[in-house]
Amino acid sequence: MSDQTTPESKEPKKDKTFSEKIEVAGNQLVEHVKELIKEGNVRRLILRDHEGKVLMEIPLTTGVVVGGVITWAVPL
């Protein structure tokens, strides 16, 4: 047995993630999502209304499949 103590926790690792808030009109939403997909560095898409209420939160791979539904669901 040893009398040495070890620290219980190390420095927490800092995530290399960030979020960006982008405001677009409903008719521009699909085009902007397509641009984000082309960039390839987006993992999750959160759609909010003008009051900040979450309308939809999906992983972007699912978002590609559901892209047509978003177009249909967002009023012009």
N, C-alpha and C. Protein backbone atom coordinates (compact mmCIF):
# COMPACT_ATOMS: atom_id res chain seq x y z
N MET A 1 0.83 -1.18 0.00
CA MET A 1 0.00 0.00 0.00
C MET A 1 0.87 1.24 0.00
N SER A 2 0.35 2.25 -0.58
CA SER A 2 1.07 3.50 -0.71
C SER A 2 0.31 4.61 -0.02
N ASP A 3 1.02 5.56 0.54
CA ASP A 3 0.39 6.70 1.20
C ASP A 3 0.19 7.87 0.24
N GLN A 4 0.53 7.68 -1.01
CA GLN A 4 0.39 8.77 -1.97
C GLN A 4 -1.07 8.93 -2.37
N THR A 5 -1.46 10.17 -2.55
CA THR A 5 -2.83 10.44 -3.00
C THR A 5 -2.78 10.89 -4.44
N THR A 6 -3.81 10.57 -5.14
CA THR A 6 -3.92 11.00 -6.53
C THR A 6 -5.09 11.95 -6.65
N PRO A 7 -4.98 12.93 -7.50
CA PRO A 7 -6.10 13.85 -7.67
C PRO A 7 -7.33 13.11 -8.19
N GLU A 8 -8.49 13.46 -7.63
CA GLU A 8 -9.72 12.77 -8.02
C GLU A 8 -10.20 13.15 -9.41
N SER A 9 -9.94 14.35 -9.80
CA SER A 9 -10.37 14.76 -11.14
C SER A 9 -9.29 15.59 -11.80
N LYS A 10 -9.17 15.41 -13.07
CA LYS A 10 -8.21 16.19 -13.85
C LYS A 10 -8.95 17.36 -14.47
N GLU A 11 -8.21 18.22 -15.09
CA GLU A 11 -8.81 19.35 -15.80
C GLU A 11 -9.79 18.82 -16.84
N PRO A 12 -11.01 19.36 -16.89
CA PRO A 12 -11.95 18.89 -17.92
C PRO A 12 -11.47 19.30 -19.31
N LYS A 13 -11.67 18.39 -20.24
CA LYS A 13 -11.30 18.70 -21.62
C LYS A 13 -12.27 19.70 -22.20
N LYS A 14 -11.73 20.65 -22.92
CA LYS A 14 -12.59 21.64 -23.56
C LYS A 14 -13.03 21.10 -24.91
N ASP A 15 -14.33 21.17 -25.16
CA ASP A 15 -14.87 20.71 -26.44
C ASP A 15 -14.45 21.67 -27.54
N LYS A 16 -14.29 21.13 -28.70
CA LYS A 16 -13.95 21.94 -29.86
C LYS A 16 -15.19 22.19 -30.69
N THR A 17 -16.29 22.46 -30.02
CA THR A 17 -17.54 22.72 -30.72
C THR A 17 -17.98 24.14 -30.48
N PHE A 18 -18.80 24.61 -31.38
CA PHE A 18 -19.40 25.93 -31.21
C PHE A 18 -20.75 25.92 -31.89
N SER A 19 -21.54 26.89 -31.55
CA SER A 19 -22.84 27.00 -32.22
C SER A 19 -22.94 28.37 -32.86
N GLU A 20 -23.76 28.45 -33.85
CA GLU A 20 -23.93 29.68 -34.61
C GLU A 20 -25.42 29.91 -34.81
N LYS A 21 -25.86 31.12 -34.56
CA LYS A 21 -27.26 31.47 -34.74
C LYS A 21 -27.39 32.20 -36.08
N ILE A 22 -28.23 31.66 -36.94
CA ILE A 22 -28.44 32.24 -38.27
C ILE A 22 -29.93 32.48 -38.44
N GLU A 23 -30.30 33.68 -38.83
CA GLU A 23 -31.71 33.98 -39.06
C GLU A 23 -31.96 34.11 -40.56
N VAL A 24 -32.89 33.30 -41.06
CA VAL A 24 -33.26 33.34 -42.46
C VAL A 24 -34.78 33.24 -42.57
N ALA A 25 -35.30 33.74 -43.68
CA ALA A 25 -36.73 33.63 -43.95
C ALA A 25 -37.04 32.19 -44.37
N GLY A 26 -38.30 31.81 -44.23
CA GLY A 26 -38.72 30.44 -44.55
C GLY A 26 -38.35 30.02 -45.96
N ASN A 27 -38.48 30.94 -46.91
CA ASN A 27 -38.18 30.57 -48.29
C ASN A 27 -36.67 30.44 -48.54
N GLN A 28 -35.84 30.94 -47.65
CA GLN A 28 -34.39 30.83 -47.79
C GLN A 28 -33.82 29.66 -46.99
N LEU A 29 -34.66 29.04 -46.18
CA LEU A 29 -34.20 28.00 -45.26
C LEU A 29 -33.58 26.81 -45.98
N VAL A 30 -34.25 26.31 -46.98
CA VAL A 30 -33.77 25.11 -47.68
C VAL A 30 -32.42 25.38 -48.33
N GLU A 31 -32.27 26.51 -48.97
CA GLU A 31 -31.00 26.84 -49.62
C GLU A 31 -29.88 26.95 -48.59
N HIS A 32 -30.17 27.55 -47.45
CA HIS A 32 -29.14 27.69 -46.42
C HIS A 32 -28.75 26.33 -45.84
N VAL A 33 -29.71 25.46 -45.64
CA VAL A 33 -29.41 24.11 -45.14
C VAL A 33 -28.56 23.36 -46.16
N LYS A 34 -28.85 23.51 -47.44
CA LYS A 34 -28.03 22.87 -48.48
C LYS A 34 -26.59 23.36 -48.42
N GLU A 35 -26.40 24.66 -48.18
CA GLU A 35 -25.05 25.22 -48.06
C GLU A 35 -24.32 24.62 -46.86
N LEU A 36 -25.03 24.48 -45.74
CA LEU A 36 -24.42 23.89 -44.55
C LEU A 36 -24.02 22.44 -44.79
N ILE A 37 -24.83 21.71 -45.53
CA ILE A 37 -24.51 20.32 -45.84
C ILE A 37 -23.25 20.25 -46.70
N LYS A 38 -23.13 21.15 -47.66
CA LYS A 38 -21.94 21.17 -48.52
C LYS A 38 -20.68 21.45 -47.72
N GLU A 39 -20.79 22.32 -46.69
CA GLU A 39 -19.63 22.62 -45.85
C GLU A 39 -19.17 21.36 -45.12
N GLY A 40 -20.10 20.52 -44.73
CA GLY A 40 -19.76 19.24 -44.13
C GLY A 40 -19.33 19.28 -42.67
N ASN A 41 -19.37 20.42 -42.03
CA ASN A 41 -18.92 20.48 -40.65
C ASN A 41 -20.06 20.73 -39.66
N VAL A 42 -21.27 20.49 -40.08
CA VAL A 42 -22.44 20.69 -39.23
C VAL A 42 -22.94 19.32 -38.80
N ARG A 43 -23.17 19.15 -37.51
CA ARG A 43 -23.62 17.86 -37.00
C ARG A 43 -25.09 17.86 -36.64
N ARG A 44 -25.60 19.01 -36.21
CA ARG A 44 -26.97 19.05 -35.72
C ARG A 44 -27.63 20.34 -36.18
N LEU A 45 -28.91 20.24 -36.47
CA LEU A 45 -29.68 21.38 -36.95
C LEU A 45 -30.84 21.61 -35.99
N ILE A 46 -30.94 22.84 -35.49
CA ILE A 46 -32.04 23.20 -34.59
C ILE A 46 -32.80 24.35 -35.24
N LEU A 47 -34.08 24.12 -35.50
CA LEU A 47 -34.93 25.16 -36.07
C LEU A 47 -35.77 25.77 -34.97
N ARG A 48 -35.75 27.09 -34.88
CA ARG A 48 -36.51 27.82 -33.87
C ARG A 48 -37.40 28.85 -34.55
N ASP A 49 -38.51 29.19 -33.88
CA ASP A 49 -39.36 30.25 -34.41
C ASP A 49 -38.82 31.60 -33.94
N HIS A 50 -39.52 32.67 -34.29
CA HIS A 50 -39.03 34.02 -33.97
C HIS A 50 -39.02 34.29 -32.47
N GLU A 51 -39.71 33.49 -31.68
CA GLU A 51 -39.72 33.65 -30.22
C GLU A 51 -38.66 32.79 -29.54
N GLY A 52 -37.95 31.99 -30.31
CA GLY A 52 -36.91 31.13 -29.76
C GLY A 52 -37.37 29.74 -29.39
N LYS A 53 -38.63 29.43 -29.64
CA LYS A 53 -39.16 28.10 -29.33
C LYS A 53 -38.62 27.09 -30.35
N VAL A 54 -38.14 25.96 -29.86
CA VAL A 54 -37.57 24.93 -30.74
C VAL A 54 -38.69 24.26 -31.51
N LEU A 55 -38.61 24.34 -32.83
CA LEU A 55 -39.58 23.68 -33.70
C LEU A 55 -39.11 22.28 -34.08
N MET A 56 -37.81 22.15 -34.31
CA MET A 56 -37.26 20.88 -34.74
C MET A 56 -35.78 20.83 -34.38
N GLU A 57 -35.34 19.70 -33.86
CA GLU A 57 -33.93 19.48 -33.54
C GLU A 57 -33.56 18.10 -34.04
N ILE A 58 -32.69 18.05 -35.05
CA ILE A 58 -32.36 16.78 -35.68
C ILE A 58 -30.88 16.71 -36.02
N PRO A 59 -30.32 15.51 -36.03
CA PRO A 59 -28.97 15.34 -36.57
C PRO A 59 -29.00 15.66 -38.06
N LEU A 60 -27.95 16.23 -38.58
CA LEU A 60 -27.98 16.68 -39.97
C LEU A 60 -28.13 15.54 -40.95
N THR A 61 -27.63 14.36 -40.64
CA THR A 61 -27.82 13.25 -41.57
C THR A 61 -29.30 12.93 -41.73
N THR A 62 -30.04 13.05 -40.65
CA THR A 62 -31.49 12.89 -40.74
C THR A 62 -32.10 14.08 -41.47
N GLY A 63 -31.51 15.24 -41.27
CA GLY A 63 -32.01 16.46 -41.92
C GLY A 63 -31.95 16.39 -43.43
N VAL A 64 -30.96 15.72 -43.95
CA VAL A 64 -30.87 15.56 -45.40
C VAL A 64 -32.07 14.78 -45.91
N VAL A 65 -32.43 13.75 -45.20
CA VAL A 65 -33.56 12.92 -45.60
C VAL A 65 -34.87 13.68 -45.45
N VAL A 66 -34.97 14.47 -44.41
CA VAL A 66 -36.22 15.15 -44.09
C VAL A 66 -36.30 16.54 -44.74
N GLY A 67 -35.34 16.89 -45.54
CA GLY A 67 -35.30 18.21 -46.16
C GLY A 67 -36.57 18.58 -46.90
N GLY A 68 -37.16 17.65 -47.58
CA GLY A 68 -38.41 17.92 -48.28
C GLY A 68 -39.55 18.23 -47.34
N VAL A 69 -39.56 17.59 -46.18
CA VAL A 69 -40.60 17.84 -45.19
C VAL A 69 -40.47 19.25 -44.63
N ILE A 70 -39.26 19.71 -44.41
CA ILE A 70 -39.05 21.06 -43.91
C ILE A 70 -39.60 22.07 -44.90
N THR A 71 -39.33 21.85 -46.16
CA THR A 71 -39.83 22.75 -47.19
C THR A 71 -41.35 22.81 -47.15
N TRP A 72 -41.97 21.70 -46.96
CA TRP A 72 -43.42 21.63 -46.92
C TRP A 72 -43.98 22.24 -45.64
N ALA A 73 -43.29 22.04 -44.51
CA ALA A 73 -43.81 22.45 -43.21
C ALA A 73 -43.67 23.95 -42.94
N VAL A 74 -42.67 24.59 -43.50
CA VAL A 74 -42.43 26.01 -43.24
C VAL A 74 -43.33 26.83 -44.15
N PRO A 75 -44.18 27.67 -43.56
CA PRO A 75 -45.05 28.50 -44.41
C PRO A 75 -44.25 29.55 -45.17
N LEU A 76 -44.70 29.86 -46.33
CA LEU A 76 -43.99 30.85 -47.16
C LEU A 76 -44.35 32.24 -46.78
